[in-house]
Amino acid sequence: MGIWAIIPLFFIVTTAIVFHFSWANEILYNAYSEEPPLPRQKRGSVDLVDAKQTYEALFNVAKQHAVENGADDWHQCG
């Protein structure tokens, strides 16, 4: 059983290496003569004043985030 488990584990480990380490990801892209994509920009967090924020304000932030990411109808039913 251990010998047969090596085959799928090899593919799982190599996939994890490419996802986790940037140097492995760059090697993969360079092997196919592709340009690696730029890292995504992280959006800042919502400022909480004294840890109190109204639900309406948080909901408006969530709706704005959805519009910016192409999912502007996520809060509608049906």
N, C-alpha and C. Protein backbone atom coordinates (compact mmCIF):
# COMPACT_ATOMS: atom_id res chain seq x y z
N MET A 1 0.83 -1.19 0.00
CA MET A 1 0.00 0.00 0.00
C MET A 1 0.87 1.25 0.00
N GLY A 2 1.95 1.22 0.74
CA GLY A 2 2.83 2.38 0.83
C GLY A 2 3.46 2.74 -0.49
N ILE A 3 3.84 1.74 -1.27
CA ILE A 3 4.45 1.98 -2.58
C ILE A 3 3.43 2.66 -3.51
N TRP A 4 2.19 2.19 -3.50
CA TRP A 4 1.17 2.78 -4.38
C TRP A 4 0.77 4.17 -3.92
N ALA A 5 0.92 4.47 -2.66
CA ALA A 5 0.55 5.79 -2.16
C ALA A 5 1.56 6.86 -2.60
N ILE A 6 2.76 6.44 -2.98
CA ILE A 6 3.78 7.40 -3.41
C ILE A 6 3.35 8.15 -4.66
N ILE A 7 2.68 7.48 -5.57
CA ILE A 7 2.30 8.11 -6.84
C ILE A 7 1.34 9.29 -6.62
N PRO A 8 0.20 9.13 -5.96
CA PRO A 8 -0.66 10.30 -5.77
C PRO A 8 -0.05 11.35 -4.84
N LEU A 9 0.72 10.89 -3.84
CA LEU A 9 1.36 11.85 -2.94
C LEU A 9 2.38 12.71 -3.66
N PHE A 10 3.06 12.15 -4.65
CA PHE A 10 4.02 12.93 -5.43
C PHE A 10 3.31 14.09 -6.13
N PHE A 11 2.16 13.82 -6.74
CA PHE A 11 1.42 14.87 -7.43
C PHE A 11 0.84 15.90 -6.46
N ILE A 12 0.40 15.45 -5.32
CA ILE A 12 -0.14 16.36 -4.31
C ILE A 12 0.95 17.29 -3.80
N VAL A 13 2.11 16.74 -3.52
CA VAL A 13 3.22 17.53 -2.98
C VAL A 13 3.73 18.52 -4.02
N THR A 14 3.90 18.09 -5.28
CA THR A 14 4.38 19.02 -6.30
C THR A 14 3.38 20.15 -6.55
N THR A 15 2.10 19.85 -6.50
CA THR A 15 1.09 20.90 -6.64
C THR A 15 1.17 21.88 -5.47
N ALA A 16 1.33 21.38 -4.27
CA ALA A 16 1.42 22.24 -3.10
C ALA A 16 2.68 23.11 -3.15
N ILE A 17 3.76 22.56 -3.67
CA ILE A 17 5.00 23.34 -3.78
C ILE A 17 4.79 24.52 -4.72
N VAL A 18 4.13 24.29 -5.84
CA VAL A 18 3.89 25.37 -6.81
C VAL A 18 2.99 26.44 -6.22
N PHE A 19 1.98 26.03 -5.45
CA PHE A 19 1.07 27.01 -4.85
C PHE A 19 1.73 27.78 -3.71
N HIS A 20 2.57 27.14 -2.95
CA HIS A 20 3.10 27.76 -1.73
C HIS A 20 4.35 28.60 -1.97
N PHE A 21 5.27 28.12 -2.77
CA PHE A 21 6.54 28.81 -2.95
C PHE A 21 6.55 29.61 -4.25
N SER A 22 6.89 30.90 -4.15
CA SER A 22 6.88 31.75 -5.33
C SER A 22 7.97 31.34 -6.32
N TRP A 23 9.10 30.82 -5.85
CA TRP A 23 10.16 30.43 -6.76
C TRP A 23 9.72 29.26 -7.64
N ALA A 24 8.95 28.34 -7.08
CA ALA A 24 8.45 27.21 -7.86
C ALA A 24 7.39 27.67 -8.86
N ASN A 25 6.58 28.62 -8.46
CA ASN A 25 5.57 29.17 -9.36
C ASN A 25 6.24 29.88 -10.54
N GLU A 26 7.31 30.63 -10.27
CA GLU A 26 8.03 31.32 -11.34
C GLU A 26 8.70 30.33 -12.29
N ILE A 27 9.22 29.24 -11.76
CA ILE A 27 9.83 28.21 -12.61
C ILE A 27 8.77 27.62 -13.55
N LEU A 28 7.59 27.35 -13.02
CA LEU A 28 6.52 26.79 -13.84
C LEU A 28 6.11 27.75 -14.95
N TYR A 29 5.95 29.03 -14.62
CA TYR A 29 5.58 30.01 -15.64
C TYR A 29 6.69 30.17 -16.67
N ASN A 30 7.94 30.20 -16.23
CA ASN A 30 9.06 30.34 -17.17
C ASN A 30 9.21 29.11 -18.06
N ALA A 31 8.83 27.95 -17.59
CA ALA A 31 8.92 26.74 -18.41
C ALA A 31 7.98 26.83 -19.61
N TYR A 32 6.87 27.55 -19.45
CA TYR A 32 5.90 27.71 -20.54
C TYR A 32 5.99 29.09 -21.19
N SER A 33 7.08 29.82 -20.92
CA SER A 33 7.32 31.15 -21.48
C SER A 33 6.15 32.10 -21.23
N GLU A 34 5.62 32.04 -20.03
CA GLU A 34 4.53 32.92 -19.63
C GLU A 34 5.03 33.91 -18.60
N GLU A 35 4.35 35.03 -18.50
CA GLU A 35 4.66 36.02 -17.47
C GLU A 35 3.78 35.77 -16.26
N PRO A 36 4.36 35.61 -15.06
CA PRO A 36 3.53 35.36 -13.88
C PRO A 36 2.62 36.55 -13.60
N PRO A 37 1.39 36.30 -13.15
CA PRO A 37 0.49 37.42 -12.86
C PRO A 37 0.97 38.20 -11.63
N LEU A 38 0.59 39.46 -11.61
CA LEU A 38 0.95 40.29 -10.46
C LEU A 38 0.10 39.89 -9.27
N PRO A 39 0.64 40.05 -8.07
CA PRO A 39 -0.15 39.72 -6.88
C PRO A 39 -1.38 40.62 -6.76
N ARG A 40 -2.45 40.08 -6.22
CA ARG A 40 -3.66 40.86 -6.02
C ARG A 40 -3.45 41.88 -4.92
N GLN A 41 -4.06 43.03 -5.09
CA GLN A 41 -3.99 44.08 -4.08
C GLN A 41 -5.03 43.80 -3.00
N LYS A 42 -4.60 43.83 -1.77
CA LYS A 42 -5.53 43.59 -0.67
C LYS A 42 -6.22 44.91 -0.31
N ARG A 43 -7.50 44.80 -0.07
CA ARG A 43 -8.28 45.97 0.31
C ARG A 43 -8.15 46.17 1.81
N GLY A 44 -8.10 47.43 2.22
CA GLY A 44 -8.00 47.74 3.64
C GLY A 44 -9.24 47.34 4.40
N SER A 45 -9.10 47.15 5.67
CA SER A 45 -10.23 46.74 6.50
C SER A 45 -11.10 47.95 6.84
N VAL A 46 -12.31 47.67 7.25
CA VAL A 46 -13.24 48.72 7.65
C VAL A 46 -12.83 49.22 9.02
N ASP A 47 -12.77 50.52 9.15
CA ASP A 47 -12.42 51.10 10.44
C ASP A 47 -13.60 50.99 11.40
N LEU A 48 -13.36 50.42 12.54
CA LEU A 48 -14.38 50.30 13.56
C LEU A 48 -14.11 51.33 14.64
N VAL A 49 -15.05 52.20 14.87
CA VAL A 49 -14.89 53.23 15.89
C VAL A 49 -15.36 52.65 17.21
N ASP A 50 -14.43 52.49 18.12
CA ASP A 50 -14.72 51.90 19.44
C ASP A 50 -15.40 50.55 19.31
N ALA A 51 -15.05 49.80 18.27
CA ALA A 51 -15.58 48.46 17.99
C ALA A 51 -17.09 48.48 17.81
N LYS A 52 -17.65 49.64 17.44
CA LYS A 52 -19.09 49.75 17.20
C LYS A 52 -19.30 50.23 15.78
N GLN A 53 -19.99 49.45 15.00
CA GLN A 53 -20.30 49.78 13.61
C GLN A 53 -21.72 49.30 13.36
N THR A 54 -22.52 50.12 12.73
CA THR A 54 -23.91 49.72 12.49
C THR A 54 -23.95 48.64 11.42
N TYR A 55 -24.97 47.81 11.51
CA TYR A 55 -25.14 46.75 10.52
C TYR A 55 -25.36 47.34 9.13
N GLU A 56 -26.06 48.46 9.07
CA GLU A 56 -26.32 49.11 7.78
C GLU A 56 -25.02 49.55 7.13
N ALA A 57 -24.10 50.10 7.91
CA ALA A 57 -22.81 50.53 7.35
C ALA A 57 -22.00 49.33 6.87
N LEU A 58 -21.99 48.27 7.64
CA LEU A 58 -21.27 47.06 7.23
C LEU A 58 -21.90 46.44 5.98
N PHE A 59 -23.23 46.48 5.90
CA PHE A 59 -23.93 45.94 4.74
C PHE A 59 -23.61 46.76 3.49
N ASN A 60 -23.53 48.07 3.64
CA ASN A 60 -23.17 48.93 2.51
C ASN A 60 -21.75 48.65 2.03
N VAL A 61 -20.84 48.40 2.95
CA VAL A 61 -19.47 48.05 2.58
C VAL A 61 -19.46 46.72 1.83
N ALA A 62 -20.25 45.76 2.29
CA ALA A 62 -20.32 44.45 1.62
C ALA A 62 -20.90 44.59 0.22
N LYS A 63 -21.95 45.42 0.06
CA LYS A 63 -22.53 45.64 -1.27
C LYS A 63 -21.53 46.31 -2.21
N GLN A 64 -20.79 47.29 -1.71
CA GLN A 64 -19.80 47.97 -2.54
C GLN A 64 -18.70 47.00 -2.96
N HIS A 65 -18.27 46.14 -2.04
CA HIS A 65 -17.25 45.14 -2.37
C HIS A 65 -17.77 44.18 -3.44
N ALA A 66 -19.04 43.80 -3.34
CA ALA A 66 -19.62 42.89 -4.33
C ALA A 66 -19.70 43.55 -5.70
N VAL A 67 -20.06 44.82 -5.75
CA VAL A 67 -20.14 45.54 -7.03
C VAL A 67 -18.76 45.62 -7.67
N GLU A 68 -17.74 45.90 -6.86
CA GLU A 68 -16.37 46.02 -7.38
C GLU A 68 -15.85 44.68 -7.91
N ASN A 69 -16.37 43.57 -7.42
CA ASN A 69 -15.88 42.26 -7.81
C ASN A 69 -16.84 41.49 -8.71
N GLY A 70 -17.82 42.18 -9.29
CA GLY A 70 -18.70 41.57 -10.28
C GLY A 70 -19.78 40.66 -9.72
N ALA A 71 -20.14 40.82 -8.46
CA ALA A 71 -21.20 39.99 -7.88
C ALA A 71 -22.24 40.89 -7.22
N ASP A 72 -22.69 41.91 -7.97
CA ASP A 72 -23.54 42.92 -7.38
C ASP A 72 -24.96 42.45 -7.06
N ASP A 73 -25.35 41.25 -7.50
CA ASP A 73 -26.69 40.76 -7.19
C ASP A 73 -26.67 39.67 -6.12
N TRP A 74 -25.63 39.58 -5.33
CA TRP A 74 -25.49 38.50 -4.35
C TRP A 74 -26.51 38.59 -3.23
N HIS A 75 -27.02 39.80 -2.92
CA HIS A 75 -27.91 39.97 -1.78
C HIS A 75 -29.38 39.85 -2.15
N GLN A 76 -29.68 39.62 -3.42
CA GLN A 76 -31.07 39.51 -3.84
C GLN A 76 -31.51 38.05 -3.85
N CYS A 77 -32.75 37.83 -3.51
CA CYS A 77 -33.32 36.48 -3.53
C CYS A 77 -33.98 36.24 -4.88
N GLY A 78 -33.84 35.01 -5.36
CA GLY A 78 -34.55 34.59 -6.56
C GLY A 78 -33.99 35.15 -7.77
